[in-house]
Amino acid sequence: IFVCDNGIMTIYLNNQTDEYLIPKCYMNAQVVLNRWLNWWEDPINYKWDDRSFLPEVSCPVLCIHGRQDLFFSVDHTEKIASAVQNGRVEFLNAGHDIHSGAQDEYKEKVLAFFESHQDLEISCNL
């Protein structure tokens, strides 16, 4: 599941011109990136760790990782897949943005995963 900001799409759908839209895509991009990177590397956030919940995940889990990902290591993805009860890892020839960097291969892997579990009954206990 991917959650995306609708801000740029809203501007586009309101028939804004490229002269208005394109600069918005890059406005303060470095500031936003620096804040994001600093947040992840801030020691105060080291205590944020939800790994203890992973063994409770019993449904099939597909972890897809780009081999050239500069944000997360291969080890990170492998640890997630091995911590859940039914995890599987697929590596793609892409960076962090795998769903668009290797779109066809990504789609293939996800569809194959869904097809291999189409008869599975899944319930959610919250």
Protein backbone atom coordinates (compact mmCIF):
# COMPACT_ATOMS: atom_id res chain seq x y z
CA ILE A 1 0.00 0.00 0.00
CA PHE A 2 1.43 3.32 -0.99
CA VAL A 3 0.30 6.62 0.49
CA CYS A 4 1.01 9.65 -1.66
CA ASP A 5 0.47 13.36 -1.26
CA ASN A 6 -2.32 14.71 -3.46
CA GLY A 7 -1.06 18.31 -3.50
CA ILE A 8 0.57 18.25 -6.93
CA MET A 9 -2.28 16.20 -8.40
CA THR A 10 -4.81 18.74 -7.10
CA ILE A 11 -2.92 21.56 -8.79
CA TYR A 12 -2.80 19.56 -12.01
CA LEU A 13 -6.49 18.67 -11.92
CA ASN A 14 -7.36 22.33 -11.41
CA ASN A 15 -5.86 22.97 -14.86
CA GLN A 16 -2.77 24.79 -13.67
CA THR A 17 -0.15 25.36 -16.35
CA ASP A 18 3.25 23.67 -16.50
CA GLU A 19 4.83 27.04 -15.66
CA TYR A 20 3.04 26.85 -12.31
CA LEU A 21 3.14 23.10 -11.74
CA ILE A 22 6.75 22.16 -12.53
CA PRO A 23 8.41 24.55 -10.02
CA LYS A 24 6.11 23.19 -7.29
CA CYS A 25 7.58 19.73 -7.81
CA TYR A 26 11.04 20.99 -6.85
CA MET A 27 10.15 23.73 -4.36
CA ASN A 28 12.12 23.21 -1.13
CA ALA A 29 13.03 19.67 -2.23
CA GLN A 30 16.47 19.79 -0.55
CA VAL A 31 15.00 21.12 2.70
CA VAL A 32 12.39 18.34 2.77
CA LEU A 33 14.99 15.66 1.98
CA ASN A 34 17.35 16.93 4.70
CA ARG A 35 14.55 16.94 7.30
CA TRP A 36 13.59 13.40 6.34
CA LEU A 37 17.17 12.09 6.47
CA ASN A 38 17.89 13.87 9.75
CA TRP A 39 14.72 12.45 11.30
CA TRP A 40 15.77 8.87 10.52
CA GLU A 41 19.30 9.46 11.80
CA ASP A 42 18.29 11.32 14.97
CA PRO A 43 19.18 9.16 18.02
CA ILE A 44 15.86 10.06 19.64
CA ASN A 45 14.17 7.94 16.97
CA TYR A 46 16.29 4.86 17.67
CA LYS A 47 13.78 3.86 20.33
CA TRP A 48 11.10 3.61 17.62
CA ASP A 49 11.19 -0.06 16.86
CA ASP A 50 8.23 -2.20 15.88
CA ARG A 51 10.20 -5.38 15.20
CA SER A 52 8.68 -7.04 18.26
CA PHE A 53 5.33 -7.21 16.42
CA LEU A 54 6.69 -8.96 13.33
CA PRO A 55 6.53 -12.54 14.69
CA GLU A 56 2.77 -12.04 15.19
CA VAL A 57 2.27 -11.52 11.45
CA SER A 58 1.03 -14.87 10.17
CA CYS A 59 -0.27 -14.02 6.70
CA PRO A 60 2.05 -14.35 3.69
CA VAL A 61 4.33 -11.32 3.35
CA LEU A 62 6.18 -10.29 0.20
CA CYS A 63 9.14 -7.99 0.83
CA ILE A 64 10.42 -6.40 -2.37
CA HIS A 65 13.73 -4.55 -2.32
CA GLY A 66 15.73 -2.67 -4.94
CA ARG A 67 19.33 -3.85 -5.18
CA GLN A 68 20.54 -0.26 -5.63
CA ASP A 69 18.44 1.17 -2.75
CA LEU A 70 20.49 3.90 -1.05
CA PHE A 71 18.07 4.35 1.87
CA PHE A 72 17.68 0.82 3.21
CA SER A 73 20.07 -2.10 3.16
CA VAL A 74 19.35 -5.55 1.76
CA ASP A 75 19.84 -6.80 5.31
CA HIS A 76 16.94 -4.63 6.50
CA THR A 77 14.53 -6.34 4.09
CA GLU A 78 15.87 -9.82 4.81
CA LYS A 79 15.41 -9.29 8.56
CA ILE A 80 11.77 -8.26 8.07
CA ALA A 81 11.03 -11.29 5.89
CA SER A 82 12.67 -13.70 8.32
CA ALA A 83 10.93 -12.17 11.36
CA VAL A 84 7.38 -12.79 10.10
CA GLN A 85 5.94 -16.30 10.03
CA ASN A 86 5.58 -16.57 6.25
CA GLY A 87 7.92 -14.03 4.64
CA ARG A 88 9.50 -14.01 1.23
CA VAL A 89 12.02 -11.60 -0.33
CA GLU A 90 12.30 -10.60 -3.97
CA PHE A 91 15.10 -8.34 -5.19
CA LEU A 92 14.67 -6.09 -8.22
CA ASN A 93 17.22 -4.27 -10.34
CA ALA A 94 16.13 -0.84 -9.06
CA GLY A 95 16.76 1.74 -6.39
CA HIS A 96 14.49 2.80 -3.54
CA ASP A 97 11.56 3.64 -5.83
CA ILE A 98 11.04 0.05 -6.97
CA HIS A 99 7.42 0.29 -8.06
CA SER A 100 8.36 2.76 -10.78
CA GLY A 101 12.08 2.00 -11.20
CA ALA A 102 11.40 -1.60 -12.22
CA GLN A 103 7.70 -1.31 -12.94
CA ASP A 104 7.22 -4.43 -15.09
CA GLU A 105 9.25 -6.71 -12.84
CA TYR A 106 7.55 -5.25 -9.75
CA LYS A 107 4.11 -5.87 -11.22
CA GLU A 108 5.11 -9.43 -12.17
CA LYS A 109 6.32 -10.25 -8.65
CA VAL A 110 3.27 -8.77 -6.92
CA LEU A 111 0.77 -10.47 -9.25
CA ALA A 112 2.56 -13.82 -8.92
CA PHE A 113 2.48 -13.45 -5.13
CA PHE A 114 -1.26 -12.71 -5.13
CA GLU A 115 -1.94 -15.58 -7.52
CA SER A 116 0.02 -18.02 -5.37
CA HIS A 117 -2.17 -17.10 -2.38
CA GLN A 118 -5.54 -16.61 -4.09
CA ASP A 119 -7.16 -19.48 -2.17
CA LEU A 120 -5.93 -18.27 1.20
CA GLU A 121 -8.55 -17.16 3.69
CA ILE A 122 -7.32 -14.16 5.61
CA SER A 123 -8.86 -12.65 8.71
CA CYS A 124 -7.81 -9.58 10.59
CA ASN A 125 -7.79 -9.46 14.36
CA LEU A 126 -7.23 -6.01 15.76
